[in-house]
Amino acid sequence: MTLSPLARRRLAVFCAHRRGVWSLAIFLLLFALTAPAEFVANDRPLVLQYRGHWYFPVLSDYAENTFGKGFLPTEADYTAPDVKAAIRAHGWMLWPPIRYHYDTLCLDLSGPAPSPPSLAHPLGTDDQARDVLARVIYAFRVSVLFGFTLTFAASAIGIAAGAVQGFYGGLVDLLFQRFIEIWSGMPQLFLLIILGSVIAPGFFVLLLFLLVFSWMTLTGVVRAEFLRGRTLDYVRAARALGVTDAGLMARHILPNAMVAILTFVPFILSGSVTVLASLDFLGFGLPPGSPSLGELVAQGKNNLQAPWLGITAFVVLGGLLTLLVFIGEAVRDAFDPRRGGG
């Protein structure tokens, strides 16, 4: 695929931003390691062979009596000594690098939980005897997917709303502004507490609830850019040539507003990750037991005698937000006309 001269200039500006390039490389590496979390950290084998038959426990559930008589017809526990011995007597198992799921209770501890870092648990365990490294891997994936999904959806709605306001102006802009003023004054935390008392909060429930209020972040910026852009000569000329309103907004005004939009997107993205961690820290986020960076922060606060919990939460959450901001700065510079990206 051949890139246009404008795309090549933007790519060159992005590559010249060394901090952004290194941040993108580190982020992609971390996400590539955590995206297939079930294949990296799990208490189930990736694949096993038993009496000539192939099984994939990481993908499917198998009954315990599949691996010999005398076992119960319940889901197999591959960490149980008798199940492991039966499988190894007639086959073999291939385990993931980390043999713990995010909710696996570690029964091999030498002392009470939370236990300090060791060879078996490089980041130690939390106060419920769960491996911290396994939970961090799953929590990183959840935080990134939640942040990107919320940012993309909120930005799309906010850009569309701001474009309509700024392009048409007049009564449309006036009514929309009054609605935003009223809607932005709603007490989000109290509404979330009420919501949590009615239905069990989950990934998509939180996403939808936060989306209802997060779309307003970009609306003011886009509105101002469209109010300015609709009066420019080339926009008036395009209107005189019969270009539709949608074409004017999408092809003629929106590209010039991208610099202002991309200036705020990194902060929206980092804010989306932070708000999920904050809600989990307060206990109004994901269901109890879910892998969460906010829950790890709460564990660090509640277990000051286990500093590895707080340090791990700080390093992971702070590092993730730093990488996202640096990447956003490089993307913003790539679209900035003053740097050759326009």
Protein backbone atom coordinates (compact mmCIF):
# COMPACT_ATOMS: atom_id res chain seq x y z
CA MET A 1 0.00 0.00 0.00
CA THR A 2 1.38 3.39 -1.05
CA LEU A 3 1.15 6.19 1.46
CA SER A 4 0.20 9.68 0.38
CA PRO A 5 2.79 12.48 0.77
CA LEU A 6 0.80 13.86 3.72
CA ALA A 7 0.72 10.47 5.44
CA ARG A 8 4.48 10.07 4.89
CA ARG A 9 5.16 13.47 6.44
CA ARG A 10 3.02 12.62 9.44
CA LEU A 11 4.75 9.27 9.86
CA ALA A 12 8.14 10.98 9.67
CA VAL A 13 7.13 13.49 12.35
CA PHE A 14 5.87 10.67 14.57
CA CYS A 15 9.10 8.65 14.12
CA ALA A 16 11.15 11.75 14.96
CA HIS A 17 9.41 11.85 18.35
CA ARG A 18 11.71 9.28 19.97
CA ARG A 19 9.94 9.31 23.31
CA GLY A 20 6.64 8.54 21.62
CA VAL A 21 8.15 5.79 19.45
CA TRP A 22 9.75 4.06 22.43
CA SER A 23 6.54 4.40 24.44
CA LEU A 24 4.54 2.87 21.59
CA ALA A 25 7.00 -0.03 21.29
CA ILE A 26 6.88 -0.73 25.03
CA PHE A 27 3.09 -0.45 25.13
CA LEU A 28 2.61 -2.79 22.16
CA LEU A 29 4.98 -5.30 23.76
CA LEU A 30 3.12 -5.20 27.07
CA PHE A 31 -0.27 -5.46 25.38
CA ALA A 32 0.95 -8.34 23.20
CA LEU A 33 1.98 -10.19 26.37
CA THR A 34 -1.22 -9.46 28.29
CA ALA A 35 -3.84 -9.72 25.52
CA PRO A 36 -3.65 -13.55 25.46
CA ALA A 37 -3.65 -13.59 29.28
CA GLU A 38 -5.25 -17.04 29.47
CA PHE A 39 -2.25 -18.47 27.59
CA VAL A 40 0.28 -16.65 29.78
CA ALA A 41 -1.14 -17.05 33.30
CA ASN A 42 -3.55 -19.88 34.00
CA ASP A 43 -4.09 -22.78 36.37
CA ARG A 44 -5.02 -24.98 33.43
CA PRO A 45 -2.59 -26.64 30.99
CA LEU A 46 -2.42 -25.24 27.49
CA VAL A 47 -2.60 -28.72 26.02
CA LEU A 48 -2.38 -32.25 27.37
CA GLN A 49 -2.28 -35.74 25.94
CA TYR A 50 -3.96 -38.58 27.80
CA ARG A 51 -4.08 -42.15 26.50
CA GLY A 52 -3.42 -40.97 22.95
CA HIS A 53 -6.15 -38.30 23.01
CA TRP A 54 -5.51 -34.57 22.82
CA TYR A 55 -7.18 -32.11 25.18
CA PHE A 56 -7.04 -28.31 25.37
CA PRO A 57 -8.09 -27.32 28.91
CA VAL A 58 -7.30 -23.65 28.31
CA LEU A 59 -10.09 -23.57 25.73
CA SER A 60 -12.58 -26.17 26.96
CA ASP A 61 -13.86 -27.63 30.22
CA TYR A 62 -13.37 -31.33 30.89
CA ALA A 63 -14.85 -33.48 33.61
CA GLU A 64 -12.52 -34.95 36.18
CA ASN A 65 -13.55 -38.52 35.38
CA THR A 66 -12.24 -38.02 31.84
CA PHE A 67 -8.82 -38.84 33.22
CA GLY A 68 -9.57 -42.11 34.96
CA LYS A 69 -12.10 -44.01 36.99
CA GLY A 70 -12.75 -43.04 40.56
CA PHE A 71 -12.89 -39.32 39.81
CA LEU A 72 -16.05 -37.24 40.08
CA PRO A 73 -17.97 -35.94 37.02
CA THR A 74 -17.19 -32.36 38.06
CA GLU A 75 -14.85 -29.91 36.36
CA ALA A 76 -11.25 -31.10 36.54
CA ASP A 77 -8.83 -29.38 38.88
CA TYR A 78 -5.46 -29.79 37.15
CA THR A 79 -3.57 -28.59 40.21
CA ALA A 80 -4.89 -31.46 42.35
CA PRO A 81 -2.10 -34.01 43.03
CA ASP A 82 -4.22 -37.05 42.17
CA VAL A 83 -5.39 -35.56 38.85
CA LYS A 84 -1.84 -34.57 37.90
CA ALA A 85 -0.53 -38.01 38.78
CA ALA A 86 -3.26 -39.75 36.73
CA ILE A 87 -2.54 -37.63 33.66
CA ARG A 88 1.23 -38.00 33.90
CA ALA A 89 0.90 -41.76 34.25
CA HIS A 90 -0.66 -41.98 30.79
CA GLY A 91 0.41 -38.76 29.08
CA TRP A 92 1.82 -35.30 29.60
CA MET A 93 0.79 -31.65 30.13
CA LEU A 94 2.12 -28.36 28.76
CA TRP A 95 1.60 -25.50 31.21
CA PRO A 96 1.63 -21.71 30.57
CA PRO A 97 4.62 -19.72 31.87
CA ILE A 98 2.68 -18.69 35.01
CA ARG A 99 0.63 -21.49 36.56
CA TYR A 100 -1.88 -19.25 38.29
CA HIS A 101 -5.14 -17.71 37.15
CA TYR A 102 -6.13 -14.32 38.53
CA ASP A 103 -8.47 -16.00 41.04
CA THR A 104 -6.32 -19.02 41.89
CA LEU A 105 -5.73 -19.52 45.61
CA CYS A 106 -2.07 -20.30 46.18
CA LEU A 107 -1.77 -23.15 48.68
CA ASP A 108 2.02 -23.43 48.51
CA LEU A 109 2.78 -20.40 50.69
CA SER A 110 5.35 -20.72 53.43
CA GLY A 111 3.63 -18.12 55.58
CA PRO A 112 0.38 -16.19 55.95
CA ALA A 113 -0.96 -14.09 53.09
CA PRO A 114 0.01 -11.61 51.82
CA SER A 115 3.36 -13.27 51.22
CA PRO A 116 6.44 -11.42 49.91
CA PRO A 117 7.91 -11.92 46.43
CA SER A 118 9.61 -15.25 45.80
CA LEU A 119 10.69 -17.46 42.91
CA ALA A 120 7.22 -19.01 42.73
CA HIS A 121 5.50 -15.61 43.05
CA PRO A 122 7.76 -12.84 41.63
CA LEU A 123 5.43 -10.06 42.82
CA GLY A 124 4.21 -11.86 45.92
CA THR A 125 0.59 -12.62 46.77
CA ASP A 126 -2.27 -10.46 48.00
CA ASP A 127 -4.20 -10.81 51.24
CA GLN A 128 -6.38 -13.53 49.68
CA ALA A 129 -3.38 -15.67 48.66
CA ARG A 130 -3.71 -14.86 44.94
CA ASP A 131 -0.67 -14.40 42.72
CA VAL A 132 -0.12 -10.66 42.14
CA LEU A 133 1.69 -11.09 38.81
CA ALA A 134 -1.20 -13.09 37.35
CA ARG A 135 -3.72 -10.50 38.54
CA VAL A 136 -1.61 -7.65 37.11
CA ILE A 137 -1.54 -9.34 33.69
CA TYR A 138 -5.31 -9.67 33.57
CA ALA A 139 -5.88 -6.22 35.11
CA PHE A 140 -3.60 -4.57 32.54
CA ARG A 141 -5.65 -6.08 29.72
CA VAL A 142 -8.95 -5.05 31.28
CA SER A 143 -7.74 -1.49 31.90
CA VAL A 144 -6.43 -1.02 28.37
CA LEU A 145 -9.52 -2.46 26.67
CA PHE A 146 -11.84 -0.43 28.92
CA GLY A 147 -9.86 2.77 28.38
CA PHE A 148 -9.66 2.48 24.60
CA THR A 149 -13.30 1.46 24.22
CA LEU A 150 -14.57 4.29 26.40
CA THR A 151 -12.28 6.83 24.72
CA PHE A 152 -13.25 5.79 21.20
CA ALA A 153 -16.99 5.78 21.91
CA ALA A 154 -16.95 9.01 23.93
CA SER A 155 -14.81 10.79 21.33
CA ALA A 156 -17.06 9.72 18.47
CA ILE A 157 -20.20 11.00 20.22
CA GLY A 158 -18.49 14.17 21.47
CA ILE A 159 -17.06 15.04 18.04
CA ALA A 160 -20.44 14.50 16.36
CA ALA A 161 -22.24 16.62 18.97
CA GLY A 162 -19.69 19.43 18.85
CA ALA A 163 -19.67 19.42 15.05
CA VAL A 164 -23.45 19.81 14.88
CA GLN A 165 -23.35 22.62 17.45
CA GLY A 166 -20.58 24.57 15.82
CA PHE A 167 -21.66 24.07 12.22
CA TYR A 168 -25.31 25.06 12.58
CA GLY A 169 -25.01 27.48 15.52
CA GLY A 170 -28.02 29.58 16.40
CA LEU A 171 -30.86 27.88 18.22
CA VAL A 172 -29.33 24.42 17.82
CA ASP A 173 -26.16 25.58 19.57
CA LEU A 174 -28.11 27.41 22.28
CA LEU A 175 -30.33 24.46 23.18
CA PHE A 176 -27.44 22.00 23.04
CA GLN A 177 -25.32 24.15 25.35
CA ARG A 178 -28.11 24.42 27.92
CA PHE A 179 -28.57 20.64 27.82
CA ILE A 180 -24.82 20.06 28.33
CA GLU A 181 -24.77 22.45 31.28
CA ILE A 182 -27.61 20.57 32.96
CA TRP A 183 -26.29 17.11 32.10
CA SER A 184 -22.73 17.85 33.24
CA GLY A 185 -24.06 18.92 36.64
CA MET A 186 -25.49 15.49 37.41
CA PRO A 187 -23.81 13.79 40.43
CA GLN A 188 -22.12 10.86 38.68
CA LEU A 189 -20.86 9.11 41.82
CA PHE A 190 -24.26 9.18 43.53
CA LEU A 191 -25.92 7.87 40.38
CA LEU A 192 -23.35 5.09 40.20
CA ILE A 193 -24.04 4.14 43.83
CA ILE A 194 -27.76 3.97 43.04
CA LEU A 195 -27.05 1.93 39.93
CA GLY A 196 -24.88 -0.47 41.92
CA SER A 197 -27.71 -1.06 44.37
CA VAL A 198 -30.11 -1.98 41.55
CA ILE A 199 -27.94 -4.09 39.22
CA ALA A 200 -24.55 -5.74 39.60
CA PRO A 201 -21.95 -3.53 37.89
CA GLY A 202 -19.85 -5.18 35.20
CA PHE A 203 -17.52 -4.23 32.37
CA PHE A 204 -20.22 -3.21 29.89
CA VAL A 205 -22.52 -1.70 32.54
CA LEU A 206 -19.73 0.59 33.74
CA LEU A 207 -18.75 1.36 30.15
CA LEU A 208 -22.27 2.41 29.22
CA PHE A 209 -22.77 4.43 32.40
CA LEU A 210 -19.49 6.34 32.05
CA LEU A 211 -20.11 6.87 28.34
CA VAL A 212 -23.33 8.71 29.17
CA PHE A 213 -21.25 11.43 30.88
CA SER A 214 -17.82 11.18 29.19
CA TRP A 215 -18.87 12.27 25.70
CA MET A 216 -19.00 15.93 26.74
CA THR A 217 -15.21 16.21 27.16
CA LEU A 218 -14.49 16.98 23.50
CA THR A 219 -17.72 18.76 22.65
CA GLY A 220 -16.55 22.26 23.60
CA VAL A 221 -13.27 21.99 21.69
CA VAL A 222 -14.91 20.64 18.54
CA ARG A 223 -17.69 23.23 18.76
CA ALA A 224 -15.16 26.07 18.86
CA GLU A 225 -13.23 24.68 15.88
CA PHE A 226 -16.40 24.32 13.81
CA LEU A 227 -17.64 27.79 14.75
CA ARG A 228 -14.35 29.14 13.40
CA GLY A 229 -14.09 26.83 10.42
CA ARG A 230 -17.57 27.37 8.99
CA THR A 231 -16.73 31.03 8.24
CA LEU A 232 -13.54 30.30 6.26
CA ASP A 233 -13.52 31.14 2.55
CA TYR A 234 -12.84 27.63 1.27
CA VAL A 235 -15.80 26.29 3.27
CA ARG A 236 -18.07 28.94 1.79
CA ALA A 237 -16.74 28.14 -1.68
CA ALA A 238 -17.42 24.44 -1.18
CA ARG A 239 -20.96 25.21 -0.01
CA ALA A 240 -21.50 27.34 -3.12
CA LEU A 241 -20.39 24.39 -5.26
CA GLY A 242 -23.14 22.27 -3.73
CA VAL A 243 -21.21 20.22 -1.16
CA THR A 244 -23.57 18.77 1.44
CA ASP A 245 -23.42 19.73 5.12
CA ALA A 246 -22.07 16.29 6.02
CA GLY A 247 -19.36 16.63 3.37
CA LEU A 248 -18.40 20.08 4.62
CA MET A 249 -18.11 18.86 8.20
CA ALA A 250 -16.26 15.61 7.42
CA ARG A 251 -13.92 16.64 4.59
CA HIS A 252 -13.31 20.37 5.05
CA ILE A 253 -13.65 21.34 8.71
CA LEU A 254 -12.97 18.20 10.74
CA PRO A 255 -9.39 17.63 9.41
CA ASN A 256 -8.41 21.10 10.62
CA ALA A 257 -9.90 20.35 14.04
CA MET A 258 -7.88 17.15 14.47
CA VAL A 259 -4.93 18.88 16.16
CA ALA A 260 -7.17 20.27 18.90
CA ILE A 261 -8.96 16.93 19.22
CA LEU A 262 -5.76 14.88 19.43
CA THR A 263 -4.43 17.27 22.06
CA PHE A 264 -7.18 16.14 24.42
CA VAL A 265 -7.51 12.46 23.43
CA PRO A 266 -4.44 11.27 25.41
CA PHE A 267 -5.84 12.84 28.55
CA ILE A 268 -9.27 11.31 27.88
CA LEU A 269 -7.63 7.93 27.45
CA SER A 270 -5.57 8.18 30.62
CA GLY A 271 -8.64 9.52 32.42
CA SER A 272 -10.68 6.52 31.27
CA VAL A 273 -8.08 4.15 32.73
CA THR A 274 -7.92 6.19 35.92
CA VAL A 275 -11.68 6.36 36.44
CA LEU A 276 -11.96 2.57 36.28
CA ALA A 277 -9.15 2.20 38.80
CA SER A 278 -10.76 4.84 41.03
CA LEU A 279 -14.15 3.13 40.99
CA ASP A 280 -12.55 -0.22 41.77
CA PHE A 281 -10.60 1.38 44.61
CA LEU A 282 -13.83 2.76 46.08
CA GLY A 283 -15.66 -0.54 45.59
CA PHE A 284 -18.10 0.68 42.91
CA GLY A 285 -16.31 -0.77 39.90
CA LEU A 286 -16.00 -4.29 38.58
CA PRO A 287 -17.52 -7.20 40.55
CA PRO A 288 -15.56 -8.37 43.61
CA GLY A 289 -12.72 -10.69 42.70
CA SER A 290 -12.23 -9.23 39.22
CA PRO A 291 -8.65 -8.37 38.25
CA SER A 292 -8.26 -4.65 38.73
CA LEU A 293 -5.47 -2.16 39.28
CA GLY A 294 -7.74 -0.15 41.55
CA GLU A 295 -8.41 -3.21 43.71
CA LEU A 296 -4.63 -3.73 43.96
CA VAL A 297 -4.24 -0.12 45.10
CA ALA A 298 -6.87 -0.76 47.78
CA GLN A 299 -4.98 -3.88 48.87
CA GLY A 300 -1.81 -1.82 49.18
CA LYS A 301 -3.65 0.71 51.35
CA ASN A 302 -5.14 -1.96 53.57
CA ASN A 303 -1.89 -3.94 53.93
CA LEU A 304 0.82 -1.43 54.72
CA GLN A 305 2.93 -4.29 56.07
CA ALA A 306 3.10 -5.64 52.49
CA PRO A 307 4.70 -2.76 50.54
CA TRP A 308 5.05 -4.85 47.37
CA LEU A 309 1.31 -4.50 46.77
CA GLY A 310 1.32 -0.70 46.75
CA ILE A 311 4.60 -0.49 44.83
CA THR A 312 3.33 -2.85 42.14
CA ALA A 313 0.08 -0.92 41.75
CA PHE A 314 1.92 2.40 41.54
CA VAL A 315 4.47 1.21 38.98
CA VAL A 316 1.93 -0.51 36.73
CA LEU A 317 -0.73 2.20 36.83
CA GLY A 318 1.75 5.08 36.63
CA GLY A 319 3.74 3.41 33.88
CA LEU A 320 0.62 2.70 31.80
CA LEU A 321 -0.61 6.29 32.06
CA THR A 322 2.85 7.66 31.22
CA LEU A 323 3.13 5.51 28.09
CA LEU A 324 -0.32 6.55 26.88
CA VAL A 325 0.42 10.27 27.36
CA PHE A 326 3.77 10.04 25.52
CA ILE A 327 2.14 8.18 22.62
CA GLY A 328 -0.60 10.78 22.47
CA GLU A 329 1.95 13.61 22.36
CA ALA A 330 3.68 12.00 19.37
CA VAL A 331 0.37 11.50 17.53
CA ARG A 332 -0.63 15.11 18.23
CA ASP A 333 2.67 16.41 16.85
CA ALA A 334 2.27 14.22 13.75
CA PHE A 335 -1.04 15.95 12.92
CA ASP A 336 0.19 19.45 13.77
CA PRO A 337 0.57 21.55 10.56
CA ARG A 338 3.27 23.63 12.22
CA ARG A 339 5.45 20.51 12.43
CA GLY A 340 4.88 19.46 8.85
CA GLY A 341 1.95 17.15 9.54
CA GLY A 342 -0.73 19.35 8.03
